[in-house]
Amino acid sequence: MNTDDTRPPSTVPVDIATDELDDDVLARRLATDAGKLLLRIREEVGFAEPATLRDAGDARSHQLLTRALARHRPRDAVLSEEGVDDVARLSAERVWIVDPLDGTREFAEPGRSDWAVHVALWQAGELVSGAVALPALGLTLSSAGGLPPRLAGARPPRIVVSRTRAPQLVTEVAEALGATIVPMGSAGAKAGAVIRGEAEIYLHAGGQYEWDSAAPVAVARSAGLHTSRLDGSPLRYNQPDPLLPDLVICAASWASEVLRAIGAAGGSGG
């Protein structure tokens, strides 16, 4: 998490007319508009200096989201990957959990579409709204509904995993299930693949934070998918330490087999 918010102001105005929108629709609109901004940043900055492009994307998307939330939901708290963590959120009834740019590595590589924007709302102990924008695909997946028809599941299943940090646990679970491993970029892109039926299982171990999974989990739940820690326990948000290191999202029909295979491989929620 960034602890220094002293950045130049964004040149992109926040022009999102959201005052009358409910939380589900607001989350979708914010994620979508931040995604459009990120596509413009890609065009403006180019790919010659990846670090510059990543920094610009992180900072300007964060500014758009936090300014819009301050304007339209001024009494709500915000937990953002790119913001300073204000402990006042722990006593707030409503907390927006956002990742302004999930998959910065992929964002800065030309031709890659596996990066995302996450916007979720936690209220009184539960995720109640969420949206995952996949800007390079022109798609936003949302708890507001309107999800694309889910493709028929495959057997053997497909497991989406980190393209750079796939843990040994994934290999063992894949062997137990006879599954195909599909490397992919951001957490939002991987969750989106399961939500859309392009994969059956998303399994992560080894380190994430609340902003990595909050919006994907909110959307996955709205689509009727199973979501949990590796040991099957609930995913809990707005905790004092935002580290939430492991995650399972899968078709409900696979949940018992996946959790059994994780247990046999020695995986657990830490």
Protein backbone atom coordinates (compact mmCIF):
# COMPACT_ATOMS: atom_id res chain seq x y z
CA MET A 1 0.00 0.00 0.00
CA ASN A 2 1.25 3.47 -0.83
CA THR A 3 1.84 5.69 2.18
CA ASP A 4 2.47 8.93 0.23
CA ASP A 5 -0.43 10.56 -1.58
CA THR A 6 1.45 13.68 -2.70
CA ARG A 7 0.87 13.32 -6.42
CA PRO A 8 0.06 15.93 -9.08
CA PRO A 9 -3.67 16.34 -9.66
CA SER A 10 -5.23 14.30 -12.43
CA THR A 11 -5.94 16.13 -15.66
CA VAL A 12 -9.01 13.96 -16.19
CA PRO A 13 -12.16 15.48 -14.68
CA VAL A 14 -14.40 13.39 -12.48
CA ASP A 15 -17.68 13.76 -14.35
CA ILE A 16 -19.55 10.72 -13.12
CA ALA A 17 -23.20 11.59 -12.49
CA THR A 18 -23.86 9.06 -9.76
CA ASP A 19 -25.80 10.84 -7.02
CA GLU A 20 -29.01 8.97 -7.76
CA LEU A 21 -27.42 5.57 -8.40
CA ASP A 22 -27.64 2.72 -5.93
CA ASP A 23 -24.45 1.14 -4.64
CA ASP A 24 -24.33 -1.73 -7.16
CA VAL A 25 -24.72 0.61 -10.10
CA LEU A 26 -22.31 3.13 -8.62
CA ALA A 27 -19.62 0.47 -8.23
CA ARG A 28 -20.08 -0.56 -11.86
CA ARG A 29 -19.96 3.03 -13.10
CA LEU A 30 -16.84 3.87 -11.11
CA ALA A 31 -14.95 0.76 -12.25
CA THR A 32 -15.98 1.31 -15.86
CA ASP A 33 -14.97 4.97 -15.90
CA ALA A 34 -11.64 4.25 -14.23
CA GLY A 35 -11.05 1.58 -16.87
CA LYS A 36 -11.73 4.05 -19.68
CA LEU A 37 -9.25 6.43 -18.09
CA LEU A 38 -6.61 3.69 -17.95
CA LEU A 39 -7.08 2.94 -21.64
CA ARG A 40 -6.49 6.64 -22.39
CA ILE A 41 -3.38 6.63 -20.21
CA ARG A 42 -2.04 3.67 -22.19
CA GLU A 43 -2.47 5.71 -25.39
CA GLU A 44 -1.03 8.91 -23.93
CA VAL A 45 2.03 7.46 -22.19
CA GLY A 46 2.80 4.50 -24.43
CA PHE A 47 4.78 1.37 -23.54
CA ALA A 48 8.37 2.58 -23.99
CA GLU A 49 8.86 3.12 -20.24
CA PRO A 50 6.76 0.53 -18.40
CA ALA A 51 7.48 1.93 -14.93
CA THR A 52 6.21 5.37 -15.96
CA LEU A 53 3.07 3.85 -17.44
CA ARG A 54 2.39 1.76 -14.33
CA ASP A 55 2.88 4.73 -12.01
CA ALA A 56 0.60 6.95 -14.09
CA GLY A 57 -2.10 4.30 -14.20
CA ASP A 58 -2.00 3.62 -10.46
CA ALA A 59 -2.02 7.29 -9.45
CA ARG A 60 -4.61 8.68 -11.83
CA SER A 61 -7.08 5.81 -11.45
CA HIS A 62 -6.77 6.10 -7.66
CA GLN A 63 -7.48 9.82 -7.87
CA LEU A 64 -10.54 9.34 -10.05
CA LEU A 65 -12.03 6.73 -7.75
CA THR A 66 -11.32 8.45 -4.44
CA ARG A 67 -12.48 11.86 -5.66
CA ALA A 68 -15.69 10.38 -7.05
CA LEU A 69 -16.37 8.52 -3.81
CA ALA A 70 -15.65 11.64 -1.74
CA ARG A 71 -18.17 13.52 -3.86
CA HIS A 72 -20.94 10.93 -4.07
CA ARG A 73 -20.49 8.92 -0.86
CA PRO A 74 -18.78 11.46 1.44
CA ARG A 75 -19.67 9.66 4.68
CA ASP A 76 -18.17 6.34 3.58
CA ALA A 77 -14.60 5.21 4.30
CA VAL A 78 -12.22 4.04 1.56
CA LEU A 79 -9.50 1.37 1.58
CA SER A 80 -7.40 1.61 -1.59
CA GLU A 81 -4.20 -0.14 -2.57
CA GLU A 82 -2.79 3.23 -3.61
CA GLY A 83 -3.97 5.23 -0.59
CA VAL A 84 -2.98 5.78 3.01
CA ASP A 85 -4.78 3.35 5.30
CA ASP A 86 -6.96 5.38 7.66
CA VAL A 87 -7.78 3.31 10.75
CA ALA A 88 -11.08 5.18 11.02
CA ARG A 89 -12.40 2.65 8.51
CA LEU A 90 -12.43 0.03 11.26
CA SER A 91 -15.29 1.81 13.01
CA ALA A 92 -17.10 2.77 9.81
CA GLU A 93 -20.31 1.04 8.81
CA ARG A 94 -19.55 1.34 5.08
CA VAL A 95 -16.11 0.96 3.47
CA TRP A 96 -15.30 1.02 -0.24
CA ILE A 97 -12.44 -1.38 -1.00
CA VAL A 98 -10.77 -0.53 -4.30
CA ASP A 99 -7.85 -1.55 -6.43
CA PRO A 100 -7.41 1.24 -8.98
CA LEU A 101 -5.26 -0.95 -11.23
CA ASP A 102 -5.10 -4.68 -10.62
CA GLY A 103 -2.38 -6.24 -12.74
CA THR A 104 0.04 -3.35 -13.26
CA ARG A 105 2.56 -5.66 -14.94
CA GLU A 106 0.04 -6.68 -17.59
CA PHE A 107 -1.27 -3.11 -17.97
CA ALA A 108 2.21 -2.02 -19.03
CA GLU A 109 2.66 -4.80 -21.61
CA PRO A 110 1.26 -4.07 -25.08
CA GLY A 111 -1.48 -6.38 -26.24
CA ARG A 112 -2.37 -7.77 -22.81
CA SER A 113 -5.97 -7.63 -21.63
CA ASP A 114 -5.63 -9.46 -18.28
CA TRP A 115 -5.69 -6.42 -16.00
CA ALA A 116 -8.62 -4.87 -14.16
CA VAL A 117 -10.17 -2.24 -11.91
CA HIS A 118 -11.83 -3.36 -8.66
CA VAL A 119 -14.53 -1.48 -6.76
CA ALA A 120 -16.34 -3.13 -3.84
CA LEU A 121 -18.47 -1.99 -0.93
CA TRP A 122 -18.29 -3.60 2.52
CA GLN A 123 -21.14 -2.83 4.88
CA ALA A 124 -21.68 -4.03 8.43
CA GLY A 125 -19.50 -7.10 8.04
CA GLU A 126 -20.33 -8.19 4.50
CA LEU A 127 -19.47 -7.39 0.90
CA VAL A 128 -22.68 -5.97 -0.52
CA SER A 129 -21.67 -4.58 -3.93
CA GLY A 130 -18.84 -5.05 -6.37
CA ALA A 131 -17.62 -4.49 -9.90
CA VAL A 132 -14.61 -5.72 -11.84
CA ALA A 133 -13.85 -3.78 -15.00
CA LEU A 134 -11.81 -5.53 -17.69
CA PRO A 135 -11.19 -2.42 -19.79
CA ALA A 136 -9.17 -3.99 -22.59
CA LEU A 137 -12.09 -6.37 -23.19
CA GLY A 138 -14.69 -3.58 -23.00
CA LEU A 139 -16.40 -5.48 -20.19
CA THR A 140 -17.46 -4.77 -16.60
CA LEU A 141 -18.68 -7.64 -14.41
CA SER A 142 -20.96 -6.42 -11.66
CA SER A 143 -23.14 -7.46 -8.76
CA ALA A 144 -25.71 -5.12 -10.30
CA GLY A 145 -26.58 -7.94 -12.70
CA GLY A 146 -26.35 -8.21 -16.44
CA LEU A 147 -23.51 -10.73 -16.31
CA PRO A 148 -22.82 -12.49 -19.61
CA PRO A 149 -24.21 -16.04 -19.87
CA ARG A 150 -21.80 -18.43 -18.18
CA LEU A 151 -20.23 -20.94 -20.55
CA ALA A 152 -20.74 -24.62 -19.82
CA GLY A 153 -18.15 -26.02 -17.42
CA ALA A 154 -15.39 -28.31 -18.60
CA ARG A 155 -14.20 -31.69 -17.33
CA PRO A 156 -11.38 -32.01 -16.59
CA PRO A 157 -11.52 -28.51 -15.07
CA ARG A 158 -9.36 -25.52 -15.85
CA ILE A 159 -7.57 -23.72 -13.00
CA VAL A 160 -6.49 -20.12 -13.55
CA VAL A 161 -3.34 -19.17 -11.65
CA SER A 162 -0.77 -16.41 -11.45
CA ARG A 163 1.41 -16.25 -14.54
CA THR A 164 4.45 -15.34 -12.41
CA ARG A 165 3.85 -16.74 -8.89
CA ALA A 166 1.87 -19.97 -9.16
CA PRO A 167 2.42 -21.89 -5.89
CA GLN A 168 3.28 -25.58 -5.63
CA LEU A 169 -0.13 -26.13 -4.05
CA VAL A 170 -1.79 -25.37 -7.38
CA THR A 171 0.26 -28.04 -9.12
CA GLU A 172 -0.74 -30.64 -6.53
CA VAL A 173 -4.42 -29.71 -6.65
CA ALA A 174 -4.37 -29.76 -10.46
CA GLU A 175 -2.85 -33.25 -10.44
CA ALA A 176 -5.48 -34.47 -7.98
CA LEU A 177 -8.32 -33.11 -10.11
CA GLY A 178 -6.75 -33.91 -13.48
CA ALA A 179 -7.03 -30.18 -14.19
CA THR A 180 -5.41 -27.98 -16.79
CA ILE A 181 -3.45 -25.01 -15.42
CA VAL A 182 -4.07 -21.71 -17.23
CA PRO A 183 -1.62 -18.89 -16.32
CA MET A 184 -3.20 -15.43 -16.32
CA GLY A 185 -2.46 -11.94 -15.05
CA SER A 186 -4.50 -10.01 -12.54
CA ALA A 187 -6.77 -11.41 -9.83
CA GLY A 188 -9.71 -9.66 -11.46
CA ALA A 189 -8.99 -11.26 -14.81
CA LYS A 190 -8.70 -14.71 -13.24
CA ALA A 191 -11.91 -14.32 -11.25
CA GLY A 192 -13.56 -12.96 -14.39
CA ALA A 193 -12.59 -16.09 -16.30
CA VAL A 194 -14.41 -18.24 -13.74
CA ILE A 195 -17.41 -15.92 -13.60
CA ARG A 196 -17.74 -16.10 -17.39
CA GLY A 197 -17.20 -19.87 -17.52
CA GLU A 198 -13.84 -19.72 -19.28
CA ALA A 199 -12.39 -21.62 -16.31
CA GLU A 200 -13.85 -23.56 -13.41
CA ILE A 201 -11.44 -22.76 -10.56
CA TYR A 202 -9.34 -19.83 -9.39
CA LEU A 203 -6.94 -20.85 -6.64
CA HIS A 204 -4.48 -18.49 -5.00
CA ALA A 205 -2.00 -18.98 -2.16
CA GLY A 206 0.97 -16.96 -1.08
CA GLY A 207 -0.15 -13.39 -0.59
CA GLN A 208 -2.94 -11.01 -1.52
CA TYR A 209 -4.66 -8.09 0.14
CA GLU A 210 -8.31 -7.24 0.61
CA TRP A 211 -8.37 -4.99 -2.47
CA ASP A 212 -7.14 -7.87 -4.63
CA SER A 213 -10.17 -10.03 -3.94
CA ALA A 214 -13.05 -7.93 -2.54
CA ALA A 215 -14.64 -6.91 -5.83
CA PRO A 216 -14.01 -10.26 -7.58
CA VAL A 217 -15.55 -12.09 -4.62
CA ALA A 218 -18.59 -9.80 -4.52
CA VAL A 219 -19.27 -10.39 -8.21
CA ALA A 220 -18.57 -14.13 -7.99
CA ARG A 221 -21.03 -14.49 -5.12
CA SER A 222 -23.69 -12.63 -7.09
CA ALA A 223 -23.14 -15.16 -9.89
CA GLY A 224 -23.70 -18.09 -7.50
CA LEU A 225 -20.07 -19.21 -7.31
CA HIS A 226 -18.29 -20.61 -4.26
CA THR A 227 -15.81 -18.24 -2.55
CA SER A 228 -13.68 -19.01 0.52
CA ARG A 229 -10.25 -19.26 2.07
CA LEU A 230 -8.20 -22.34 1.20
CA ASP A 231 -9.56 -24.18 4.24
CA GLY A 232 -13.15 -23.34 3.32
CA SER A 233 -13.51 -20.64 5.96
CA PRO A 234 -15.14 -17.30 5.11
CA LEU A 235 -13.27 -14.43 3.52
CA ARG A 236 -13.41 -11.48 5.93
CA TYR A 237 -12.93 -7.86 4.93
CA ASN A 238 -12.24 -4.51 6.58
CA GLN A 239 -9.83 -6.14 9.02
CA PRO A 240 -7.08 -4.22 10.90
CA ASP A 241 -4.45 -5.95 8.74
CA PRO A 242 -5.67 -5.95 5.12
CA LEU A 243 -3.52 -8.98 4.25
CA LEU A 244 -5.82 -11.72 2.95
CA PRO A 245 -3.33 -14.16 1.49
CA ASP A 246 -5.35 -16.98 -0.04
CA LEU A 247 -8.51 -17.47 -2.03
CA VAL A 248 -10.71 -19.99 -3.80
CA ILE A 249 -13.33 -19.03 -6.38
CA CYS A 250 -14.95 -21.88 -8.22
CA ALA A 251 -18.15 -23.22 -9.68
CA ALA A 252 -20.33 -24.44 -6.82
CA SER A 253 -20.34 -27.93 -8.31
CA TRP A 254 -16.56 -28.11 -7.87
CA ALA A 255 -16.30 -26.71 -4.34
CA SER A 256 -16.23 -29.94 -2.34
CA GLU A 257 -13.70 -31.61 -4.65
CA VAL A 258 -11.47 -28.54 -4.73
CA LEU A 259 -11.47 -28.09 -0.95
CA ARG A 260 -10.82 -31.81 -0.44
CA ALA A 261 -7.86 -31.68 -2.85
CA ILE A 262 -6.48 -28.57 -1.12
CA GLY A 263 -6.71 -30.33 2.26
CA ALA A 264 -4.98 -33.42 0.93
CA ALA A 265 -2.18 -31.26 -0.45
CA GLY A 266 -1.68 -29.61 2.93
CA GLY A 267 -3.15 -26.24 2.00
CA SER A 268 -4.91 -24.11 4.59
CA GLY A 269 -6.03 -20.56 5.19
CA GLY A 270 -3.38 -18.85 7.28
